[in-house]
């Protein structure tokens, strides 16, 4: 898992560098497992009226199929502006 603090997009230079590292260690981004294709924000600051997805997780292709459920937790007991990502294995 990681808080990349940059857009995970091939148009972003930081991600291009990071993605080449991920490929070298046979890992990939797993955002496609969150939210059934809907954008789910992992950073929300209501005072600043700001939200984005800057927290991500990565896994090897071998492990990726072992995730039964992936979700972003929006809980009133979390006082951080980051929402944790929960992974459940099969």
C-alpha atoms as a PDB file:
ATOM      1  CA  UNK A   1       0.000   0.000   0.000  1.00  0.00           C
ATOM      2  CA  UNK A   2       1.136   3.519  -0.450  1.00  0.00           C
ATOM      3  CA  UNK A   3       0.323   7.184  -0.286  1.00  0.00           C
ATOM      4  CA  UNK A   4       1.850   8.211  -3.576  1.00  0.00           C
ATOM      5  CA  UNK A   5       0.975  11.926  -3.383  1.00  0.00           C
ATOM      6  CA  UNK A   6       0.856  12.058  -7.167  1.00  0.00           C
ATOM      7  CA  UNK A   7      -1.771  11.120  -9.677  1.00  0.00           C
ATOM      8  CA  UNK A   8      -1.574   7.489 -10.671  1.00  0.00           C
ATOM      9  CA  UNK A   9      -1.829   8.198 -14.369  1.00  0.00           C
ATOM     10  CA  UNK A  10       0.487   7.624 -17.313  1.00  0.00           C
ATOM     11  CA  UNK A  11       0.282  11.358 -17.992  1.00  0.00           C
ATOM     12  CA  UNK A  12       2.100  11.966 -14.672  1.00  0.00           C
ATOM     13  CA  UNK A  13       5.915  11.864 -14.791  1.00  0.00           C
ATOM     14  CA  UNK A  14       6.179  10.591 -11.194  1.00  0.00           C
ATOM     15  CA  UNK A  15       3.904   7.668 -11.966  1.00  0.00           C
ATOM     16  CA  UNK A  16       5.775   6.836 -15.174  1.00  0.00           C
ATOM     17  CA  UNK A  17       8.950   6.342 -13.139  1.00  0.00           C
ATOM     18  CA  UNK A  18       7.143   4.418 -10.409  1.00  0.00           C
ATOM     19  CA  UNK A  19       5.279   2.258 -12.930  1.00  0.00           C
ATOM     20  CA  UNK A  20       8.556   1.170 -14.548  1.00  0.00           C
ATOM     21  CA  UNK A  21       9.708   0.049 -11.082  1.00  0.00           C
ATOM     22  CA  UNK A  22       6.405  -1.812 -10.524  1.00  0.00           C
ATOM     23  CA  UNK A  23       6.840  -3.632 -13.830  1.00  0.00           C
ATOM     24  CA  UNK A  24      10.402  -4.604 -12.921  1.00  0.00           C
ATOM     25  CA  UNK A  25       9.177  -6.294  -9.731  1.00  0.00           C
ATOM     26  CA  UNK A  26       6.071  -7.716 -11.464  1.00  0.00           C
ATOM     27  CA  UNK A  27       3.576  -5.662  -9.481  1.00  0.00           C
ATOM     28  CA  UNK A  28       0.590  -3.675 -10.641  1.00  0.00           C
ATOM     29  CA  UNK A  29      -1.857  -1.085  -9.409  1.00  0.00           C
ATOM     30  CA  UNK A  30      -5.001  -2.562  -7.834  1.00  0.00           C
ATOM     31  CA  UNK A  31      -7.309   0.478  -7.908  1.00  0.00           C
ATOM     32  CA  UNK A  32      -9.537  -1.411 -10.328  1.00  0.00           C
ATOM     33  CA  UNK A  33     -10.627  -3.603  -7.399  1.00  0.00           C
ATOM     34  CA  UNK A  34     -12.073  -0.643  -5.437  1.00  0.00           C
ATOM     35  CA  UNK A  35     -15.522   0.831  -5.986  1.00  0.00           C
ATOM     36  CA  UNK A  36     -16.729  -1.285  -8.918  1.00  0.00           C
ATOM     37  CA  UNK A  37     -15.293   1.196 -11.394  1.00  0.00           C
ATOM     38  CA  UNK A  38     -16.508   4.283  -9.513  1.00  0.00           C
ATOM     39  CA  UNK A  39     -13.972   6.794  -8.221  1.00  0.00           C
ATOM     40  CA  UNK A  40     -13.687   6.418  -4.459  1.00  0.00           C
ATOM     41  CA  UNK A  41     -11.723   9.139  -2.690  1.00  0.00           C
ATOM     42  CA  UNK A  42      -9.102   8.175  -0.120  1.00  0.00           C
ATOM     43  CA  UNK A  43      -8.288  11.757   0.884  1.00  0.00           C
ATOM     44  CA  UNK A  44     -11.111  14.078   1.943  1.00  0.00           C
ATOM     45  CA  UNK A  45     -10.713  17.475   3.577  1.00  0.00           C
ATOM     46  CA  UNK A  46     -14.149  18.989   4.012  1.00  0.00           C
ATOM     47  CA  UNK A  47     -12.794  22.294   5.384  1.00  0.00           C
ATOM     48  CA  UNK A  48     -10.793  22.806   2.183  1.00  0.00           C
ATOM     49  CA  UNK A  49     -13.532  21.258   0.024  1.00  0.00           C
ATOM     50  CA  UNK A  50     -10.907  18.944  -1.419  1.00  0.00           C
ATOM     51  CA  UNK A  51     -10.990  15.249  -2.272  1.00  0.00           C
ATOM     52  CA  UNK A  52      -8.757  12.929  -4.283  1.00  0.00           C
ATOM     53  CA  UNK A  53      -7.463   9.395  -4.513  1.00  0.00           C
ATOM     54  CA  UNK A  54      -3.832   9.483  -3.415  1.00  0.00           C
ATOM     55  CA  UNK A  55      -3.745   6.270  -1.398  1.00  0.00           C
ATOM     56  CA  UNK A  56      -3.298   3.138  -3.459  1.00  0.00           C
ATOM     57  CA  UNK A  57      -2.213  -0.449  -3.162  1.00  0.00           C
ATOM     58  CA  UNK A  58      -0.124  -2.604  -5.404  1.00  0.00           C
ATOM     59  CA  UNK A  59       0.280  -6.366  -5.621  1.00  0.00           C
ATOM     60  CA  UNK A  60       1.936  -9.006  -7.735  1.00  0.00           C
ATOM     61  CA  UNK A  61      -0.251 -10.529 -10.419  1.00  0.00           C
ATOM     62  CA  UNK A  62       0.100 -13.795  -8.528  1.00  0.00           C
ATOM     63  CA  UNK A  63      -1.537 -12.301  -5.406  1.00  0.00           C
ATOM     64  CA  UNK A  64      -4.050  -9.952  -7.020  1.00  0.00           C
ATOM     65  CA  UNK A  65      -6.586 -12.702  -7.716  1.00  0.00           C
ATOM     66  CA  UNK A  66      -6.560 -13.626  -4.003  1.00  0.00           C
ATOM     67  CA  UNK A  67      -8.373 -10.452  -2.878  1.00  0.00           C
ATOM     68  CA  UNK A  68     -12.002 -11.201  -2.042  1.00  0.00           C
ATOM     69  CA  UNK A  69     -12.957  -7.624  -1.186  1.00  0.00           C
ATOM     70  CA  UNK A  70     -11.296  -4.235  -1.315  1.00  0.00           C
ATOM     71  CA  UNK A  71     -12.914  -1.120   0.111  1.00  0.00           C
ATOM     72  CA  UNK A  72     -12.219   2.392   1.317  1.00  0.00           C
ATOM     73  CA  UNK A  73     -13.401   2.880   4.897  1.00  0.00           C
ATOM     74  CA  UNK A  74     -15.362   6.067   5.584  1.00  0.00           C
ATOM     75  CA  UNK A  75     -15.763   5.993   9.354  1.00  0.00           C
ATOM     76  CA  UNK A  76     -16.789   8.676  11.839  1.00  0.00           C
ATOM     77  CA  UNK A  77     -14.126   7.372  14.264  1.00  0.00           C
ATOM     78  CA  UNK A  78     -11.328   8.163  11.821  1.00  0.00           C
ATOM     79  CA  UNK A  79     -10.090  11.691  12.545  1.00  0.00           C
ATOM     80  CA  UNK A  80      -7.574  11.678   9.708  1.00  0.00           C
ATOM     81  CA  UNK A  81      -8.228  13.226   6.308  1.00  0.00           C
ATOM     82  CA  UNK A  82      -7.075   9.933   4.755  1.00  0.00           C
ATOM     83  CA  UNK A  83      -9.510   7.057   4.488  1.00  0.00           C
ATOM     84  CA  UNK A  84      -7.927   3.644   5.000  1.00  0.00           C
ATOM     85  CA  UNK A  85      -8.081   0.907   2.395  1.00  0.00           C
ATOM     86  CA  UNK A  86      -9.200  -2.510   3.671  1.00  0.00           C
ATOM     87  CA  UNK A  87      -8.249  -5.750   1.932  1.00  0.00           C
ATOM     88  CA  UNK A  88      -9.912  -9.085   2.559  1.00  0.00           C
ATOM     89  CA  UNK A  89      -8.267 -12.233   1.243  1.00  0.00           C
ATOM     90  CA  UNK A  90     -10.164 -15.241  -0.111  1.00  0.00           C
END
